Amino acid sequence: KRAKMIYTFETISPRELLVSKNKGNEPTRRDLRLIEDLLLDYNLKPGVVNVLVDYILNINDKKLTRALVETMAGEWQRKGIETVEDAMSLCEKRQQQPKKQQRKRT
């Protein structure tokens, strides 16, 4: 299953991923600009961008928030994430971390 996901992330374009996540509908210009920025400004490979977009959509209620995406892209750039496998491992590691407990107001 993991190998199939890796293959999919490596072979489809980020635009195609957005179309599939959007139930076949064309992505918005804003989403496409965000993808373009990730590829050009952050120098992330298309497969890594696919993992990032998929992860953000899963953890952020299907919303691509520019600030969150750019924050994570910068982190991945600093950590030297260059392969789909590295990106997926980082996402899995992050999902296993316990969520910060919210402070209760008194």
PDB file of N, CA and C in Angstrom:
ATOM      1  N   LYS A   1       0.833  -1.188   0.000  1.00  0.00           N
ATOM      2  CA  LYS A   1       0.000   0.000   0.000  1.00  0.00           C
ATOM      3  C   LYS A   1       0.880   1.254   0.000  1.00  0.00           C
ATOM      4  N   ARG A   2       1.912   1.256   0.841  1.00  0.00           N
ATOM      5  CA  ARG A   2       2.826   2.401   0.902  1.00  0.00           C
ATOM      6  C   ARG A   2       3.534   2.588  -0.434  1.00  0.00           C
ATOM      7  N   ALA A   3       3.968   1.491  -1.040  1.00  0.00           N
ATOM      8  CA  ALA A   3       4.657   1.571  -2.329  1.00  0.00           C
ATOM      9  C   ALA A   3       3.740   2.155  -3.398  1.00  0.00           C
ATOM     10  N   LYS A   4       2.457   1.809  -3.348  1.00  0.00           N
ATOM     11  CA  LYS A   4       1.498   2.337  -4.312  1.00  0.00           C
ATOM     12  C   LYS A   4       1.319   3.842  -4.109  1.00  0.00           C
ATOM     13  N   MET A   5       1.257   4.282  -2.850  1.00  0.00           N
ATOM     14  CA  MET A   5       1.135   5.706  -2.560  1.00  0.00           C
ATOM     15  C   MET A   5       2.364   6.463  -3.048  1.00  0.00           C
ATOM     16  N   ILE A   6       3.543   5.905  -2.791  1.00  0.00           N
ATOM     17  CA  ILE A   6       4.781   6.538  -3.233  1.00  0.00           C
ATOM     18  C   ILE A   6       4.777   6.675  -4.753  1.00  0.00           C
ATOM     19  N   TYR A   7       4.409   5.605  -5.430  1.00  0.00           N
ATOM     20  CA  TYR A   7       4.360   5.626  -6.892  1.00  0.00           C
ATOM     21  C   TYR A   7       3.380   6.702  -7.385  1.00  0.00           C
ATOM     22  N   THR A   8       2.219   6.777  -6.758  1.00  0.00           N
ATOM     23  CA  THR A   8       1.212   7.762  -7.155  1.00  0.00           C
ATOM     24  C   THR A   8       1.739   9.179  -6.947  1.00  0.00           C
ATOM     25  N   PHE A   9       2.301   9.449  -5.771  1.00  0.00           N
ATOM     26  CA  PHE A   9       2.820  10.789  -5.485  1.00  0.00           C
ATOM     27  C   PHE A   9       3.934  11.173  -6.460  1.00  0.00           C
ATOM     28  N   GLU A  10       4.738  10.194  -6.875  1.00  0.00           N
ATOM     29  CA  GLU A  10       5.861  10.487  -7.760  1.00  0.00           C
ATOM     30  C   GLU A  10       5.439  10.661  -9.219  1.00  0.00           C
ATOM     31  N   THR A  11       4.317  10.076  -9.605  1.00  0.00           N
ATOM     32  CA  THR A  11       3.973  10.068 -11.026  1.00  0.00           C
ATOM     33  C   THR A  11       2.907  11.080 -11.440  1.00  0.00           C
ATOM     34  N   ILE A  12       2.067  11.547 -10.524  1.00  0.00           N
ATOM     35  CA  ILE A  12       1.066  12.536 -10.919  1.00  0.00           C
ATOM     36  C   ILE A  12       1.566  13.942 -10.585  1.00  0.00           C
ATOM     37  N   SER A  13       1.034  14.905 -11.302  1.00  0.00           N
ATOM     38  CA  SER A  13       1.412  16.298 -11.049  1.00  0.00           C
ATOM     39  C   SER A  13       0.617  16.821  -9.851  1.00  0.00           C
ATOM     40  N   PRO A  14       1.144  17.853  -9.184  1.00  0.00           N
ATOM     41  CA  PRO A  14       0.378  18.447  -8.078  1.00  0.00           C
ATOM     42  C   PRO A  14      -1.005  18.934  -8.518  1.00  0.00           C
ATOM     43  N   ARG A  15      -1.119  19.428  -9.751  1.00  0.00           N
ATOM     44  CA  ARG A  15      -2.426  19.860 -10.259  1.00  0.00           C
ATOM     45  C   ARG A  15      -3.382  18.675 -10.335  1.00  0.00           C
ATOM     46  N   GLU A  16      -2.892  17.538 -10.856  1.00  0.00           N
ATOM     47  CA  GLU A  16      -3.734  16.341 -10.944  1.00  0.00           C
ATOM     48  C   GLU A  16      -4.161  15.866  -9.560  1.00  0.00           C
ATOM     49  N   LEU A  17      -3.262  15.990  -8.578  1.00  0.00           N
ATOM     50  CA  LEU A  17      -3.609  15.609  -7.205  1.00  0.00           C
ATOM     51  C   LEU A  17      -4.746  16.485  -6.699  1.00  0.00           C
ATOM     52  N   LEU A  18      -4.645  17.794  -6.942  1.00  0.00           N
ATOM     53  CA  LEU A  18      -5.709  18.703  -6.499  1.00  0.00           C
ATOM     54  C   LEU A  18      -7.030  18.385  -7.180  1.00  0.00           C
ATOM     55  N   VAL A  19      -6.983  18.058  -8.467  1.00  0.00           N
ATOM     56  CA  VAL A  19      -8.212  17.694  -9.185  1.00  0.00           C
ATOM     57  C   VAL A  19      -8.838  16.455  -8.542  1.00  0.00           C
ATOM     58  N   SER A  20      -8.007  15.458  -8.228  1.00  0.00           N
ATOM     59  CA  SER A  20      -8.552  14.233  -7.626  1.00  0.00           C
ATOM     60  C   SER A  20      -9.095  14.493  -6.223  1.00  0.00           C
ATOM     61  N   LYS A  21      -8.449  15.368  -5.473  1.00  0.00           N
ATOM     62  CA  LYS A  21      -8.930  15.700  -4.121  1.00  0.00           C
ATOM     63  C   LYS A  21     -10.182  16.573  -4.170  1.00  0.00           C
ATOM     64  N   ASN A  22     -10.395  17.217  -5.313  1.00  0.00           N
ATOM     65  CA  ASN A  22     -11.524  18.124  -5.493  1.00  0.00           C
ATOM     66  C   ASN A  22     -12.660  17.439  -6.268  1.00  0.00           C
ATOM     67  N   LYS A  23     -12.689  16.120  -6.208  1.00  0.00           N
ATOM     68  CA  LYS A  23     -13.744  15.314  -6.845  1.00  0.00           C
ATOM     69  C   LYS A  23     -13.869  15.597  -8.342  1.00  0.00           C
ATOM     70  N   GLY A  24     -12.720  15.751  -9.004  1.00  0.00           N
ATOM     71  CA  GLY A  24     -12.714  15.934 -10.444  1.00  0.00           C
ATOM     72  C   GLY A  24     -12.866  17.364 -10.916  1.00  0.00           C
ATOM     73  N   ASN A  25     -13.118  18.278 -10.005  1.00  0.00           N
ATOM     74  CA  ASN A  25     -13.274  19.682 -10.377  1.00  0.00           C
ATOM     75  C   ASN A  25     -11.913  20.368 -10.477  1.00  0.00           C
ATOM     76  N   GLU A  26     -11.855  21.389 -11.301  1.00  0.00           N
ATOM     77  CA  GLU A  26     -10.631  22.151 -11.495  1.00  0.00           C
ATOM     78  C   GLU A  26     -10.270  22.905 -10.205  1.00  0.00           C
ATOM     79  N   PRO A  27      -8.983  22.891  -9.800  1.00  0.00           N
ATOM     80  CA  PRO A  27      -8.589  23.646  -8.598  1.00  0.00           C
ATOM     81  C   PRO A  27      -8.700  25.156  -8.839  1.00  0.00           C
ATOM     82  N   THR A  28      -8.782  25.902  -7.768  1.00  0.00           N
ATOM     83  CA  THR A  28      -8.875  27.355  -7.881  1.00  0.00           C
ATOM     84  C   THR A  28      -7.534  27.937  -8.323  1.00  0.00           C
ATOM     85  N   ARG A  29      -7.585  29.144  -8.879  1.00  0.00           N
ATOM     86  CA  ARG A  29      -6.344  29.817  -9.280  1.00  0.00           C
ATOM     87  C   ARG A  29      -5.443  30.041  -8.076  1.00  0.00           C
ATOM     88  N   ARG A  30      -6.042  30.321  -6.946  1.00  0.00           N
ATOM     89  CA  ARG A  30      -5.264  30.552  -5.721  1.00  0.00           C
ATOM     90  C   ARG A  30      -4.489  29.282  -5.324  1.00  0.00           C
ATOM     91  N   ASP A  31      -5.147  28.135  -5.395  1.00  0.00           N
ATOM     92  CA  ASP A  31      -4.478  26.866  -5.073  1.00  0.00           C
ATOM     93  C   ASP A  31      -3.363  26.571  -6.066  1.00  0.00           C
ATOM     94  N   LEU A  32      -3.618  26.850  -7.350  1.00  0.00           N
ATOM     95  CA  LEU A  32      -2.600  26.604  -8.374  1.00  0.00           C
ATOM     96  C   LEU A  32      -1.396  27.529  -8.191  1.00  0.00           C
ATOM     97  N   ARG A  33      -1.644  28.784  -7.805  1.00  0.00           N
ATOM     98  CA  ARG A  33      -0.538  29.708  -7.525  1.00  0.00           C
ATOM     99  C   ARG A  33       0.282  29.226  -6.340  1.00  0.00           C
ATOM    100  N   LEU A  34      -0.397  28.695  -5.334  1.00  0.00           N
ATOM    101  CA  LEU A  34       0.299  28.171  -4.163  1.00  0.00           C
ATOM    102  C   LEU A  34       1.200  27.004  -4.560  1.00  0.00           C
ATOM    103  N   ILE A  35       0.699  26.111  -5.386  1.00  0.00           N
ATOM    104  CA  ILE A  35       1.490  24.977  -5.874  1.00  0.00           C
ATOM    105  C   ILE A  35       2.695  25.476  -6.667  1.00  0.00           C
ATOM    106  N   GLU A  36       2.462  26.450  -7.519  1.00  0.00           N
ATOM    107  CA  GLU A  36       3.552  27.018  -8.323  1.00  0.00           C
ATOM    108  C   GLU A  36       4.634  27.616  -7.423  1.00  0.00           C
ATOM    109  N   ASP A  37       4.217  28.315  -6.374  1.00  0.00           N
ATOM    110  CA  ASP A  37       5.181  28.890  -5.429  1.00  0.00           C
ATOM    111  C   ASP A  37       6.002  27.807  -4.737  1.00  0.00           C
ATOM    112  N   LEU A  38       5.350  26.712  -4.374  1.00  0.00           N
ATOM    113  CA  LEU A  38       6.076  25.623  -3.723  1.00  0.00           C
ATOM    114  C   LEU A  38       7.147  25.047  -4.652  1.00  0.00           C
ATOM    115  N   LEU A  39       6.788  24.909  -5.923  1.00  0.00           N
ATOM    116  CA  LEU A  39       7.729  24.340  -6.887  1.00  0.00           C
ATOM    117  C   LEU A  39       8.868  25.305  -7.215  1.00  0.00           C
ATOM    118  N   LEU A  40       8.559  26.575  -7.375  1.00  0.00           N
ATOM    119  CA  LEU A  40       9.561  27.537  -7.815  1.00  0.00           C
ATOM    120  C   LEU A  40      10.302  28.217  -6.665  1.00  0.00           C
ATOM    121  N   ASP A  41       9.565  28.741  -5.693  1.00  0.00           N
ATOM    122  CA  ASP A  41      10.200  29.498  -4.615  1.00  0.00           C
ATOM    123  C   ASP A  41      10.861  28.610  -3.569  1.00  0.00           C
ATOM    124  N   TYR A  42      10.254  27.469  -3.296  1.00  0.00           N
ATOM    125  CA  TYR A  42      10.801  26.566  -2.276  1.00  0.00           C
ATOM    126  C   TYR A  42      11.630  25.433  -2.888  1.00  0.00           C
ATOM    127  N   ASN A  43      11.634  25.346  -4.212  1.00  0.00           N
ATOM    128  CA  ASN A  43      12.398  24.324  -4.934  1.00  0.00           C
ATOM    129  C   ASN A  43      12.069  22.906  -4.481  1.00  0.00           C
ATOM    130  N   LEU A  44      10.803  22.666  -4.151  1.00  0.00           N
ATOM    131  CA  LEU A  44      10.383  21.318  -3.772  1.00  0.00           C
ATOM    132  C   LEU A  44      10.042  20.538  -5.045  1.00  0.00           C
ATOM    133  N   LYS A  45      10.353  19.263  -5.031  1.00  0.00           N
ATOM    134  CA  LYS A  45      10.038  18.412  -6.177  1.00  0.00           C
ATOM    135  C   LYS A  45       8.535  18.140  -6.206  1.00  0.00           C
ATOM    136  N   PRO A  46       7.985  17.899  -7.403  1.00  0.00           N
ATOM    137  CA  PRO A  46       6.535  17.673  -7.508  1.00  0.00           C
ATOM    138  C   PRO A  46       6.001  16.578  -6.589  1.00  0.00           C
ATOM    139  N   GLY A  47       6.727  15.467  -6.448  1.00  0.00           N
ATOM    140  CA  GLY A  47       6.274  14.396  -5.565  1.00  0.00           C
ATOM    141  C   GLY A  47       6.207  14.834  -4.117  1.00  0.00           C
ATOM    142  N   VAL A  48       7.186  15.635  -3.699  1.00  0.00           N
ATOM    143  CA  VAL A  48       7.209  16.140  -2.322  1.00  0.00           C
ATOM    144  C   VAL A  48       6.067  17.135  -2.116  1.00  0.00           C
ATOM    145  N   VAL A  49       5.804  17.963  -3.117  1.00  0.00           N
ATOM    146  CA  VAL A  49       4.673  18.889  -3.047  1.00  0.00           C
ATOM    147  C   VAL A  49       3.365  18.108  -2.911  1.00  0.00           C
ATOM    148  N   ASN A  50       3.249  17.001  -3.634  1.00  0.00           N
ATOM    149  CA  ASN A  50       2.049  16.168  -3.529  1.00  0.00           C
ATOM    150  C   ASN A  50       1.848  15.649  -2.109  1.00  0.00           C
ATOM    151  N   VAL A  51       2.926  15.180  -1.486  1.00  0.00           N
ATOM    152  CA  VAL A  51       2.824  14.672  -0.106  1.00  0.00           C
ATOM    153  C   VAL A  51       2.411  15.808   0.825  1.00  0.00           C
ATOM    154  N   LEU A  52       3.032  16.967   0.651  1.00  0.00           N
ATOM    155  CA  LEU A  52       2.723  18.121   1.497  1.00  0.00           C
ATOM    156  C   LEU A  52       1.256  18.534   1.358  1.00  0.00           C
ATOM    157  N   VAL A  53       0.782  18.636   0.130  1.00  0.00           N
ATOM    158  CA  VAL A  53      -0.611  19.030  -0.109  1.00  0.00           C
ATOM    159  C   VAL A  53      -1.571  17.994   0.477  1.00  0.00           C
ATOM    160  N   ASP A  54      -1.291  16.727   0.253  1.00  0.00           N
ATOM    161  CA  ASP A  54      -2.142  15.665   0.779  1.00  0.00           C
ATOM    162  C   ASP A  54      -2.178  15.707   2.306  1.00  0.00           C
ATOM    163  N   TYR A  55      -1.020  15.898   2.916  1.00  0.00           N
ATOM    164  CA  TYR A  55      -0.939  15.943   4.381  1.00  0.00           C
ATOM    165  C   TYR A  55      -1.726  17.133   4.932  1.00  0.00           C
ATOM    166  N   ILE A  56      -1.531  18.307   4.337  1.00  0.00           N
ATOM    167  CA  ILE A  56      -2.236  19.503   4.816  1.00  0.00           C
ATOM    168  C   ILE A  56      -3.749  19.331   4.677  1.00  0.00           C
ATOM    169  N   LEU A  57      -4.192  18.803   3.540  1.00  0.00           N
ATOM    170  CA  LEU A  57      -5.631  18.593   3.353  1.00  0.00           C
ATOM    171  C   LEU A  57      -6.186  17.622   4.395  1.00  0.00           C
ATOM    172  N   ASN A  58      -5.400  16.615   4.766  1.00  0.00           N
ATOM    173  CA  ASN A  58      -5.873  15.636   5.752  1.00  0.00           C
ATOM    174  C   ASN A  58      -5.927  16.197   7.162  1.00  0.00           C
ATOM    175  N   ILE A  59      -4.964  17.042   7.535  1.00  0.00           N
ATOM    176  CA  ILE A  59      -4.940  17.536   8.915  1.00  0.00           C
ATOM    177  C   ILE A  59      -5.702  18.842   9.097  1.00  0.00           C
ATOM    178  N   ASN A  60      -6.040  19.516   7.988  1.00  0.00           N
ATOM    179  CA  ASN A  60      -6.615  20.864   8.070  1.00  0.00           C
ATOM    180  C   ASN A  60      -8.027  20.923   7.492  1.00  0.00           C
ATOM    181  N   ASP A  61      -8.792  19.874   7.679  1.00  0.00           N
ATOM    182  CA  ASP A  61     -10.200  19.854   7.278  1.00  0.00           C
ATOM    183  C   ASP A  61     -10.388  20.218   5.804  1.00  0.00           C
ATOM    184  N   LYS A  62      -9.535  19.640   4.944  1.00  0.00           N
ATOM    185  CA  LYS A  62      -9.608  19.813   3.488  1.00  0.00           C
ATOM    186  C   LYS A  62      -9.356  21.250   3.028  1.00  0.00           C
ATOM    187  N   LYS A  63      -8.684  22.068   3.868  1.00  0.00           N
ATOM    188  CA  LYS A  63      -8.382  23.448   3.498  1.00  0.00           C
ATOM    189  C   LYS A  63      -6.887  23.597   3.240  1.00  0.00           C
ATOM    190  N   LEU A  64      -6.548  24.266   2.134  1.00  0.00           N
ATOM    191  CA  LEU A  64      -5.153  24.591   1.826  1.00  0.00           C
ATOM    192  C   LEU A  64      -4.906  26.024   2.279  1.00  0.00           C
ATOM    193  N   THR A  65      -4.418  26.185   3.468  1.00  0.00           N
ATOM    194  CA  THR A  65      -4.151  27.501   4.015  1.00  0.00           C
ATOM    195  C   THR A  65      -2.718  27.891   3.664  1.00  0.00           C
ATOM    196  N   ARG A  66      -2.562  28.994   2.938  1.00  0.00           N
ATOM    197  CA  ARG A  66      -1.247  29.404   2.448  1.00  0.00           C
ATOM    198  C   ARG A  66      -0.223  29.486   3.583  1.00  0.00           C
ATOM    199  N   ALA A  67      -0.586  30.108   4.690  1.00  0.00           N
ATOM    200  CA  ALA A  67       0.366  30.275   5.787  1.00  0.00           C
ATOM    201  C   ALA A  67       0.866  28.922   6.304  1.00  0.00           C
ATOM    202  N   LEU A  68      -0.046  27.989   6.492  1.00  0.00           N
ATOM    203  CA  LEU A  68       0.337  26.668   6.988  1.00  0.00           C
ATOM    204  C   LEU A  68       1.199  25.928   5.967  1.00  0.00           C
ATOM    205  N   VAL A  69       0.790  25.976   4.704  1.00  0.00           N
ATOM    206  CA  VAL A  69       1.537  25.290   3.651  1.00  0.00           C
ATOM    207  C   VAL A  69       2.945  25.872   3.542  1.00  0.00           C
ATOM    208  N   GLU A  70       3.056  27.188   3.544  1.00  0.00           N
ATOM    209  CA  GLU A  70       4.376  27.815   3.414  1.00  0.00           C
ATOM    210  C   GLU A  70       5.250  27.569   4.634  1.00  0.00           C
ATOM    211  N   THR A  71       4.653  27.544   5.811  1.00  0.00           N
ATOM    212  CA  THR A  71       5.419  27.245   7.024  1.00  0.00           C
ATOM    213  C   THR A  71       6.011  25.846   6.946  1.00  0.00           C
ATOM    214  N   MET A  72       5.187  24.879   6.554  1.00  0.00           N
ATOM    215  CA  MET A  72       5.674  23.504   6.460  1.00  0.00           C
ATOM    216  C   MET A  72       6.663  23.350   5.308  1.00  0.00           C
ATOM    217  N   ALA A  73       6.439  24.052   4.192  1.00  0.00           N
ATOM    218  CA  ALA A  73       7.363  23.984   3.064  1.00  0.00           C
ATOM    219  C   ALA A  73       8.740  24.511   3.478  1.00  0.00           C
ATOM    220  N   GLY A  74       8.755  25.596   4.234  1.00  0.00           N
ATOM    221  CA  GLY A  74      10.015  26.140   4.719  1.00  0.00           C
ATOM    222  C   GLY A  74      10.728  25.164   5.643  1.00  0.00           C
ATOM    223  N   GLU A  75       9.953  24.520   6.506  1.00  0.00           N
ATOM    224  CA  GLU A  75      10.528  23.514   7.412  1.00  0.00           C
ATOM    225  C   GLU A  75      11.127  22.365   6.611  1.00  0.00           C
ATOM    226  N   TRP A  76      10.394  21.880   5.622  1.00  0.00           N
ATOM    227  CA  TRP A  76      10.870  20.752   4.809  1.00  0.00           C
ATOM    228  C   TRP A  76      12.108  21.155   4.022  1.00  0.00           C
ATOM    229  N   GLN A  77      12.139  22.396   3.567  1.00  0.00           N
ATOM    230  CA  GLN A  77      13.293  22.887   2.820  1.00  0.00           C
ATOM    231  C   GLN A  77      14.522  22.911   3.735  1.00  0.00           C
ATOM    232  N   ARG A  78      14.353  23.409   4.962  1.00  0.00           N
ATOM    233  CA  ARG A  78      15.469  23.456   5.918  1.00  0.00           C
ATOM    234  C   ARG A  78      15.930  22.056   6.313  1.00  0.00           C
ATOM    235  N   LYS A  79      14.991  21.111   6.401  1.00  0.00           N
ATOM    236  CA  LYS A  79      15.337  19.739   6.777  1.00  0.00           C
ATOM    237  C   LYS A  79      15.883  18.941   5.602  1.00  0.00           C
ATOM    238  N   GLY A  80      15.856  19.525   4.414  1.00  0.00           N
ATOM    239  CA  GLY A  80      16.397  18.854   3.238  1.00  0.00           C
ATOM    240  C   GLY A  80      15.548  17.702   2.729  1.00  0.00           C
ATOM    241  N   ILE A  81      14.236  17.813   2.855  1.00  0.00           N
ATOM    242  CA  ILE A  81      13.333  16.770   2.365  1.00  0.00           C
ATOM    243  C   ILE A  81      13.324  16.829   0.838  1.00  0.00           C
ATOM    244  N   GLU A  82      13.828  15.786   0.190  1.00  0.00           N
ATOM    245  CA  GLU A  82      13.916  15.791  -1.268  1.00  0.00           C
ATOM    246  C   GLU A  82      13.209  14.610  -1.928  1.00  0.00           C
ATOM    247  N   THR A  83      12.814  13.618  -1.141  1.00  0.00           N
ATOM    248  CA  THR A  83      12.166  12.452  -1.736  1.00  0.00           C
ATOM    249  C   THR A  83      10.777  12.258  -1.135  1.00  0.00           C
ATOM    250  N   VAL A  84       9.941  11.579  -1.880  1.00  0.00           N
ATOM    251  CA  VAL A  84       8.595  11.272  -1.407  1.00  0.00           C
ATOM    252  C   VAL A  84       8.673  10.430  -0.134  1.00  0.00           C
ATOM    253  N   GLU A  85       9.618   9.487  -0.093  1.00  0.00           N
ATOM    254  CA  GLU A  85       9.760   8.622   1.090  1.00  0.00           C
ATOM    255  C   GLU A  85      10.094   9.444   2.335  1.00  0.00           C
ATOM    256  N   ASP A  86      11.028  10.405   2.209  1.00  0.00           N
ATOM    257  CA  ASP A  86      11.386  11.257   3.344  1.00  0.00           C
ATOM    258  C   ASP A  86      10.186  12.073   3.815  1.00  0.00           C
ATOM    259  N   ALA A  87       9.457  12.632   2.858  1.00  0.00           N
ATOM    260  CA  ALA A  87       8.284  13.448   3.189  1.00  0.00           C
ATOM    261  C   ALA A  87       7.219  12.614   3.892  1.00  0.00           C
ATOM    262  N   MET A  88       6.974  11.410   3.386  1.00  0.00           N
ATOM    263  CA  MET A  88       5.961  10.545   4.005  1.00  0.00           C
ATOM    264  C   MET A  88       6.386  10.128   5.406  1.00  0.00           C
ATOM    265  N   SER A  89       7.665   9.827   5.583  1.00  0.00           N
ATOM    266  CA  SER A  89       8.163   9.446   6.912  1.00  0.00           C
ATOM    267  C   SER A  89       7.991  10.580   7.903  1.00  0.00           C
ATOM    268  N   LEU A  90       8.273  11.807   7.470  1.00  0.00           N
ATOM    269  CA  LEU A  90       8.111  12.964   8.349  1.00  0.00           C
ATOM    270  C   LEU A  90       6.643  13.154   8.730  1.00  0.00           C
ATOM    271  N   CYS A  91       5.746  12.978   7.779  1.00  0.00           N
ATOM    272  CA  CYS A  91       4.307  13.107   8.062  1.00  0.00           C
ATOM    273  C   CYS A  91       3.842  12.031   9.036  1.00  0.00           C
ATOM    274  N   GLU A  92       4.308  10.813   8.820  1.00  0.00           N
ATOM    275  CA  GLU A  92       3.917   9.717   9.724  1.00  0.00           C
ATOM    276  C   GLU A  92       4.443   9.968  11.129  1.00  0.00           C
ATOM    277  N   LYS A  93       5.664  10.441  11.225  1.00  0.00           N
ATOM    278  CA  LYS A  93       6.262  10.743  12.532  1.00  0.00           C
ATOM    279  C   LYS A  93       5.461  11.832  13.240  1.00  0.00           C
ATOM    280  N   ARG A  94       5.073  12.846  12.477  1.00  0.00           N
ATOM    281  CA  ARG A  94       4.314  13.951  13.052  1.00  0.00           C
ATOM    282  C   ARG A  94       2.934  13.487  13.519  1.00  0.00           C
ATOM    283  N   GLN A  95       2.312  12.562  12.787  1.00  0.00           N
ATOM    284  CA  GLN A  95       0.986  12.062  13.173  1.00  0.00           C
ATOM    285  C   GLN A  95       1.046  11.240  14.459  1.00  0.00           C
ATOM    286  N   GLN A  96       2.202  10.633  14.729  1.00  0.00           N
ATOM    287  CA  GLN A  96       2.333   9.794  15.915  1.00  0.00           C
ATOM    288  C   GLN A  96       2.578  10.613  17.175  1.00  0.00           C
ATOM    289  N   GLN A  97       2.990  11.870  17.007  1.00  0.00           N
ATOM    290  CA  GLN A  97       3.243  12.713  18.174  1.00  0.00           C
ATOM    291  C   GLN A  97       1.922  13.029  18.862  1.00  0.00           C
ATOM    292  N   PRO A  98       1.936  13.001  20.193  1.00  0.00           N
ATOM    293  CA  PRO A  98       0.689  13.338  20.891  1.00  0.00           C
ATOM    294  C   PRO A  98       0.339  14.807  20.665  1.00  0.00           C
ATOM    295  N   LYS A  99      -0.930  15.066  20.496  1.00  0.00           N
ATOM    296  CA  LYS A  99      -1.369  16.445  20.289  1.00  0.00           C
ATOM    297  C   LYS A  99      -1.210  17.217  21.599  1.00  0.00           C
ATOM    298  N   LYS A 100      -0.840  18.481  21.450  1.00  0.00           N
ATOM    299  CA  LYS A 100      -0.697  19.312  22.642  1.00  0.00           C
ATOM    300  C   LYS A 100      -2.041  19.447  23.326  1.00  0.00           C
ATOM    301  N   GLN A 101      -2.015  19.275  24.616  1.00  0.00           N
ATOM    302  CA  GLN A 101      -3.256  19.373  25.349  1.00  0.00           C
ATOM    303  C   GLN A 101      -3.662  20.842  25.451  1.00  0.00           C
ATOM    304  N   GLN A 102      -4.915  21.081  25.219  1.00  0.00           N
ATOM    305  CA  GLN A 102      -5.401  22.447  25.316  1.00  0.00           C
ATOM    306  C   GLN A 102      -5.532  22.802  26.789  1.00  0.00           C
ATOM    307  N   ARG A 103      -5.133  24.018  27.086  1.00  0.00           N
ATOM    308  CA  ARG A 103      -5.240  24.474  28.477  1.00  0.00           C
ATOM    309  C   ARG A 103      -6.698  24.792  28.779  1.00  0.00           C
ATOM    310  N   LYS A 104      -7.109  24.354  29.918  1.00  0.00           N
ATOM    311  CA  LYS A 104      -8.483  24.627  30.317  1.00  0.00           C
ATOM    312  C   LYS A 104      -8.541  26.004  30.972  1.00  0.00           C
ATOM    313  N   ARG A 105      -9.536  26.766  30.547  1.00  0.00           N
ATOM    314  CA  ARG A 105      -9.714  28.086  31.161  1.00  0.00           C
ATOM    315  C   ARG A 105     -10.483  27.921  32.457  1.00  0.00           C
ATOM    316  N   THR A 106     -10.032  28.657  33.411  1.00  0.00           N
ATOM    317  CA  THR A 106     -10.719  28.575  34.711  1.00  0.00           C
ATOM    318  C   THR A 106     -11.561  29.806  34.946  1.00  0.00           C
TER     319      THR A 106
END
